[in-house]
């Protein structure tokens, strides 16, 4: 299989208004998945094996897709599939057996055939940074070739973006008719 021709992603910021300041505990645009390290995920040194972090990110991506109405069963039922095209991991610290952590995943961008995501893992309860990852997933046809993402799924991504923007705007008290962010309500 040839490597798909996906363009370099633009950073897709769900919150484009610089006047909006996020709370110190919330990261705008991220969806959270809380998990716990299981004993069989460890290597011989008692820390999470590097390969397991791929699984954590893969799990979060699939959960997120299902939550926005993009059914992996429906995609494979049509003979299509999603495949990891590229993943860049930056390890900052390690997780150990029993550690609780939160995986934060953010949708960055979408191209004709690719979905771009960012993942961050933080150890709980102190939010110690563990990992930062950039992921590119490609949509494949029945012939295992990159294809345009079908319109019925593009509309799901568009709805997610719209809903997330509305949610971020309402959390900081911005009126729907305030497109430039000039009328921030102070409560």
C-alpha atoms as a PDB file:
ATOM      1  CA  UNK A   1       0.000   0.000   0.000  1.00  0.00           C
ATOM      2  CA  UNK A   2       1.328   3.435  -0.857  1.00  0.00           C
ATOM      3  CA  UNK A   3       1.511   6.192   1.700  1.00  0.00           C
ATOM      4  CA  UNK A   4      -1.505   8.503   1.364  1.00  0.00           C
ATOM      5  CA  UNK A   5      -0.959  12.018   0.111  1.00  0.00           C
ATOM      6  CA  UNK A   6      -2.339  14.025   3.014  1.00  0.00           C
ATOM      7  CA  UNK A   7      -1.494  17.663   3.201  1.00  0.00           C
ATOM      8  CA  UNK A   8       0.161  19.058   6.315  1.00  0.00           C
ATOM      9  CA  UNK A   9      -2.630  19.915   8.742  1.00  0.00           C
ATOM     10  CA  UNK A  10      -3.473  23.451   9.694  1.00  0.00           C
ATOM     11  CA  UNK A  11      -4.039  23.890  13.385  1.00  0.00           C
ATOM     12  CA  UNK A  12      -7.792  23.883  13.671  1.00  0.00           C
ATOM     13  CA  UNK A  13      -8.685  26.000  16.682  1.00  0.00           C
ATOM     14  CA  UNK A  14     -12.236  25.429  17.882  1.00  0.00           C
ATOM     15  CA  UNK A  15     -11.957  28.645  19.857  1.00  0.00           C
ATOM     16  CA  UNK A  16     -10.640  31.318  17.519  1.00  0.00           C
ATOM     17  CA  UNK A  17     -11.450  34.328  19.700  1.00  0.00           C
ATOM     18  CA  UNK A  18      -8.271  35.557  21.466  1.00  0.00           C
ATOM     19  CA  UNK A  19     -10.392  37.456  24.020  1.00  0.00           C
ATOM     20  CA  UNK A  20     -11.656  34.182  25.486  1.00  0.00           C
ATOM     21  CA  UNK A  21      -9.497  32.929  28.336  1.00  0.00           C
ATOM     22  CA  UNK A  22      -9.974  29.262  29.324  1.00  0.00           C
ATOM     23  CA  UNK A  23     -10.230  28.217  32.957  1.00  0.00           C
ATOM     24  CA  UNK A  24      -6.989  26.853  34.472  1.00  0.00           C
ATOM     25  CA  UNK A  25      -8.361  23.285  34.561  1.00  0.00           C
ATOM     26  CA  UNK A  26     -10.197  23.090  31.246  1.00  0.00           C
ATOM     27  CA  UNK A  27      -8.493  22.801  27.894  1.00  0.00           C
ATOM     28  CA  UNK A  28     -10.678  24.244  25.147  1.00  0.00           C
ATOM     29  CA  UNK A  29     -11.478  21.921  22.291  1.00  0.00           C
ATOM     30  CA  UNK A  30     -10.331  18.764  24.072  1.00  0.00           C
ATOM     31  CA  UNK A  31     -12.491  15.744  24.870  1.00  0.00           C
ATOM     32  CA  UNK A  32     -11.449  13.850  28.018  1.00  0.00           C
ATOM     33  CA  UNK A  33     -11.192  10.089  28.587  1.00  0.00           C
ATOM     34  CA  UNK A  34     -10.245   9.009  32.093  1.00  0.00           C
ATOM     35  CA  UNK A  35      -8.458   5.649  32.351  1.00  0.00           C
ATOM     36  CA  UNK A  36      -6.397   3.522  34.706  1.00  0.00           C
ATOM     37  CA  UNK A  37      -3.160   1.621  33.974  1.00  0.00           C
ATOM     38  CA  UNK A  38      -3.594  -2.159  34.092  1.00  0.00           C
ATOM     39  CA  UNK A  39      -0.829  -4.514  35.172  1.00  0.00           C
ATOM     40  CA  UNK A  40      -0.464  -6.258  31.810  1.00  0.00           C
ATOM     41  CA  UNK A  41       0.366  -2.919  30.128  1.00  0.00           C
ATOM     42  CA  UNK A  42       3.723  -2.701  31.911  1.00  0.00           C
ATOM     43  CA  UNK A  43       7.173  -3.566  30.613  1.00  0.00           C
ATOM     44  CA  UNK A  44       9.976  -5.305  32.510  1.00  0.00           C
ATOM     45  CA  UNK A  45      10.842  -2.021  34.279  1.00  0.00           C
ATOM     46  CA  UNK A  46       7.366  -1.582  35.797  1.00  0.00           C
ATOM     47  CA  UNK A  47       6.287   1.316  33.577  1.00  0.00           C
ATOM     48  CA  UNK A  48       3.730   1.422  30.781  1.00  0.00           C
ATOM     49  CA  UNK A  49       5.226  -0.060  27.617  1.00  0.00           C
ATOM     50  CA  UNK A  50       5.672   2.588  24.902  1.00  0.00           C
ATOM     51  CA  UNK A  51       3.508   0.615  22.463  1.00  0.00           C
ATOM     52  CA  UNK A  52       0.561   0.790  24.887  1.00  0.00           C
ATOM     53  CA  UNK A  53       0.354   4.570  24.433  1.00  0.00           C
ATOM     54  CA  UNK A  54      -0.620   3.904  20.794  1.00  0.00           C
ATOM     55  CA  UNK A  55      -3.505   1.795  22.100  1.00  0.00           C
ATOM     56  CA  UNK A  56      -4.627   4.560  24.464  1.00  0.00           C
ATOM     57  CA  UNK A  57      -4.718   7.074  21.602  1.00  0.00           C
ATOM     58  CA  UNK A  58      -6.425   4.589  19.260  1.00  0.00           C
ATOM     59  CA  UNK A  59      -9.078   3.873  21.908  1.00  0.00           C
ATOM     60  CA  UNK A  60      -9.787   7.595  22.441  1.00  0.00           C
ATOM     61  CA  UNK A  61     -10.090   8.225  18.698  1.00  0.00           C
ATOM     62  CA  UNK A  62     -12.591   5.405  18.267  1.00  0.00           C
ATOM     63  CA  UNK A  63     -14.622   6.512  21.298  1.00  0.00           C
ATOM     64  CA  UNK A  64     -14.713  10.067  19.973  1.00  0.00           C
ATOM     65  CA  UNK A  65     -15.764   8.980  16.480  1.00  0.00           C
ATOM     66  CA  UNK A  66     -18.596   6.905  17.931  1.00  0.00           C
ATOM     67  CA  UNK A  67     -19.674   9.807  20.161  1.00  0.00           C
ATOM     68  CA  UNK A  68     -20.101  12.124  17.153  1.00  0.00           C
ATOM     69  CA  UNK A  69     -22.031   9.521  15.173  1.00  0.00           C
ATOM     70  CA  UNK A  70     -19.263   8.114  12.986  1.00  0.00           C
ATOM     71  CA  UNK A  71     -19.827   4.383  13.385  1.00  0.00           C
ATOM     72  CA  UNK A  72     -16.806   2.245  12.672  1.00  0.00           C
ATOM     73  CA  UNK A  73     -19.135  -0.712  12.095  1.00  0.00           C
ATOM     74  CA  UNK A  74     -20.968   1.265   9.401  1.00  0.00           C
ATOM     75  CA  UNK A  75     -17.688   2.290   7.766  1.00  0.00           C
ATOM     76  CA  UNK A  76     -16.407  -1.284   7.616  1.00  0.00           C
ATOM     77  CA  UNK A  77     -19.875  -2.446   6.558  1.00  0.00           C
ATOM     78  CA  UNK A  78     -19.476  -0.218   3.487  1.00  0.00           C
ATOM     79  CA  UNK A  79     -16.126  -1.941   2.815  1.00  0.00           C
ATOM     80  CA  UNK A  80     -14.145   1.131   3.798  1.00  0.00           C
ATOM     81  CA  UNK A  81     -11.798   1.590   6.736  1.00  0.00           C
ATOM     82  CA  UNK A  82      -9.782   4.057   8.752  1.00  0.00           C
ATOM     83  CA  UNK A  83      -6.056   3.507   9.062  1.00  0.00           C
ATOM     84  CA  UNK A  84      -3.361   5.160  11.089  1.00  0.00           C
ATOM     85  CA  UNK A  85      -1.174   6.955   8.571  1.00  0.00           C
ATOM     86  CA  UNK A  86       1.185   8.809  10.864  1.00  0.00           C
ATOM     87  CA  UNK A  87       1.690   9.213  14.596  1.00  0.00           C
ATOM     88  CA  UNK A  88       4.255  11.323  16.381  1.00  0.00           C
ATOM     89  CA  UNK A  89       4.697  10.702  20.108  1.00  0.00           C
ATOM     90  CA  UNK A  90       6.643  12.811  22.581  1.00  0.00           C
ATOM     91  CA  UNK A  91       7.145  11.027  25.906  1.00  0.00           C
ATOM     92  CA  UNK A  92       7.418  13.426  28.844  1.00  0.00           C
ATOM     93  CA  UNK A  93       7.119  11.058  31.813  1.00  0.00           C
ATOM     94  CA  UNK A  94       5.971   7.497  32.582  1.00  0.00           C
ATOM     95  CA  UNK A  95       2.863   5.860  33.952  1.00  0.00           C
ATOM     96  CA  UNK A  96       3.009   2.925  36.390  1.00  0.00           C
ATOM     97  CA  UNK A  97       0.624   0.180  37.476  1.00  0.00           C
ATOM     98  CA  UNK A  98      -2.595   1.533  38.955  1.00  0.00           C
ATOM     99  CA  UNK A  99      -1.990   5.143  37.889  1.00  0.00           C
ATOM    100  CA  UNK A 100      -5.122   7.033  36.943  1.00  0.00           C
ATOM    101  CA  UNK A 101      -4.767   9.358  33.972  1.00  0.00           C
ATOM    102  CA  UNK A 102      -6.775  11.468  31.588  1.00  0.00           C
ATOM    103  CA  UNK A 103      -6.276  11.334  27.841  1.00  0.00           C
ATOM    104  CA  UNK A 104      -7.311  14.605  26.231  1.00  0.00           C
ATOM    105  CA  UNK A 105      -8.028  14.413  22.522  1.00  0.00           C
ATOM    106  CA  UNK A 106      -8.600  17.338  20.183  1.00  0.00           C
ATOM    107  CA  UNK A 107      -9.743  17.445  16.587  1.00  0.00           C
ATOM    108  CA  UNK A 108      -7.252  19.602  14.673  1.00  0.00           C
ATOM    109  CA  UNK A 109      -8.258  19.473  11.022  1.00  0.00           C
ATOM    110  CA  UNK A 110      -9.680  17.424   8.203  1.00  0.00           C
ATOM    111  CA  UNK A 111      -8.579  17.188   4.581  1.00  0.00           C
ATOM    112  CA  UNK A 112     -10.108  15.352   1.645  1.00  0.00           C
ATOM    113  CA  UNK A 113      -8.965  11.949   2.950  1.00  0.00           C
ATOM    114  CA  UNK A 114      -7.379  12.539   6.364  1.00  0.00           C
ATOM    115  CA  UNK A 115      -8.359  13.364   9.923  1.00  0.00           C
ATOM    116  CA  UNK A 116      -5.800  15.128  12.134  1.00  0.00           C
ATOM    117  CA  UNK A 117      -5.928  14.778  15.915  1.00  0.00           C
ATOM    118  CA  UNK A 118      -3.886  15.783  18.925  1.00  0.00           C
ATOM    119  CA  UNK A 119      -3.646  13.701  22.101  1.00  0.00           C
ATOM    120  CA  UNK A 120      -2.303  14.670  25.522  1.00  0.00           C
ATOM    121  CA  UNK A 121      -2.025  12.379  28.528  1.00  0.00           C
ATOM    122  CA  UNK A 122      -1.884  13.714  32.083  1.00  0.00           C
ATOM    123  CA  UNK A 123      -1.435  11.704  35.276  1.00  0.00           C
ATOM    124  CA  UNK A 124      -4.137  12.292  37.883  1.00  0.00           C
ATOM    125  CA  UNK A 125      -4.678  13.917  40.294  1.00  0.00           C
ATOM    126  CA  UNK A 126      -1.846  16.458  39.798  1.00  0.00           C
ATOM    127  CA  UNK A 127      -2.129  16.682  35.973  1.00  0.00           C
ATOM    128  CA  UNK A 128       1.527  15.747  35.421  1.00  0.00           C
ATOM    129  CA  UNK A 129       2.208  15.771  31.664  1.00  0.00           C
ATOM    130  CA  UNK A 130       2.968  12.268  30.357  1.00  0.00           C
ATOM    131  CA  UNK A 131       2.630  12.359  26.554  1.00  0.00           C
ATOM    132  CA  UNK A 132       1.849  14.602  23.592  1.00  0.00           C
ATOM    133  CA  UNK A 133       0.913  12.994  20.255  1.00  0.00           C
ATOM    134  CA  UNK A 134      -0.071  14.132  16.756  1.00  0.00           C
ATOM    135  CA  UNK A 135      -2.108  11.615  14.753  1.00  0.00           C
ATOM    136  CA  UNK A 136      -3.097  11.402  11.093  1.00  0.00           C
ATOM    137  CA  UNK A 137      -5.799   8.904  10.145  1.00  0.00           C
ATOM    138  CA  UNK A 138      -6.601   8.201   6.509  1.00  0.00           C
ATOM    139  CA  UNK A 139      -9.923   7.044   5.035  1.00  0.00           C
ATOM    140  CA  UNK A 140      -9.456   3.969   2.830  1.00  0.00           C
ATOM    141  CA  UNK A 141     -11.630   2.571   0.052  1.00  0.00           C
ATOM    142  CA  UNK A 142     -12.573  -1.078  -0.486  1.00  0.00           C
ATOM    143  CA  UNK A 143      -9.321  -1.381  -2.466  1.00  0.00           C
ATOM    144  CA  UNK A 144      -7.310  -0.040   0.488  1.00  0.00           C
ATOM    145  CA  UNK A 145      -6.549   3.210  -1.318  1.00  0.00           C
ATOM    146  CA  UNK A 146      -6.996   6.688   0.194  1.00  0.00           C
ATOM    147  CA  UNK A 147     -10.374   8.131  -0.731  1.00  0.00           C
ATOM    148  CA  UNK A 148     -12.400  11.262  -0.076  1.00  0.00           C
ATOM    149  CA  UNK A 149     -14.216  11.144   3.232  1.00  0.00           C
ATOM    150  CA  UNK A 150     -17.893  10.517   2.344  1.00  0.00           C
ATOM    151  CA  UNK A 151     -20.209  13.506   2.717  1.00  0.00           C
ATOM    152  CA  UNK A 152     -22.417  11.731   5.265  1.00  0.00           C
ATOM    153  CA  UNK A 153     -19.408  11.607   7.613  1.00  0.00           C
ATOM    154  CA  UNK A 154     -18.122  15.084   6.772  1.00  0.00           C
ATOM    155  CA  UNK A 155     -21.443  16.408   8.043  1.00  0.00           C
ATOM    156  CA  UNK A 156     -20.806  14.666  11.400  1.00  0.00           C
ATOM    157  CA  UNK A 157     -17.457  16.436  11.732  1.00  0.00           C
ATOM    158  CA  UNK A 158     -19.079  19.759  10.786  1.00  0.00           C
ATOM    159  CA  UNK A 159     -21.764  19.224  13.432  1.00  0.00           C
ATOM    160  CA  UNK A 160     -19.113  18.434  16.064  1.00  0.00           C
ATOM    161  CA  UNK A 161     -17.236  21.642  15.225  1.00  0.00           C
ATOM    162  CA  UNK A 162     -20.455  23.679  15.374  1.00  0.00           C
ATOM    163  CA  UNK A 163     -21.543  22.129  18.678  1.00  0.00           C
ATOM    164  CA  UNK A 164     -18.099  22.595  20.222  1.00  0.00           C
ATOM    165  CA  UNK A 165     -17.929  26.236  19.150  1.00  0.00           C
ATOM    166  CA  UNK A 166     -21.403  26.876  20.595  1.00  0.00           C
ATOM    167  CA  UNK A 167     -20.440  25.126  23.843  1.00  0.00           C
ATOM    168  CA  UNK A 168     -17.227  27.152  24.198  1.00  0.00           C
ATOM    169  CA  UNK A 169     -19.046  30.392  23.428  1.00  0.00           C
ATOM    170  CA  UNK A 170     -21.816  29.761  25.966  1.00  0.00           C
ATOM    171  CA  UNK A 171     -19.318  28.810  28.706  1.00  0.00           C
ATOM    172  CA  UNK A 172     -17.789  32.272  28.587  1.00  0.00           C
ATOM    173  CA  UNK A 173     -21.056  34.150  28.057  1.00  0.00           C
ATOM    174  CA  UNK A 174     -20.717  35.180  24.430  1.00  0.00           C
ATOM    175  CA  UNK A 175     -23.986  35.853  22.652  1.00  0.00           C
ATOM    176  CA  UNK A 176     -24.690  33.855  19.493  1.00  0.00           C
ATOM    177  CA  UNK A 177     -25.037  37.080  17.494  1.00  0.00           C
ATOM    178  CA  UNK A 178     -21.648  38.320  18.724  1.00  0.00           C
ATOM    179  CA  UNK A 179     -19.475  37.043  15.885  1.00  0.00           C
ATOM    180  CA  UNK A 180     -16.370  39.108  16.622  1.00  0.00           C
ATOM    181  CA  UNK A 181     -16.274  38.612  20.386  1.00  0.00           C
ATOM    182  CA  UNK A 182     -16.575  42.341  21.144  1.00  0.00           C
ATOM    183  CA  UNK A 183     -19.515  41.957  23.538  1.00  0.00           C
ATOM    184  CA  UNK A 184     -18.291  39.513  26.159  1.00  0.00           C
ATOM    185  CA  UNK A 185     -20.760  39.404  29.017  1.00  0.00           C
ATOM    186  CA  UNK A 186     -19.259  39.741  32.469  1.00  0.00           C
ATOM    187  CA  UNK A 187     -21.256  38.049  35.140  1.00  0.00           C
END
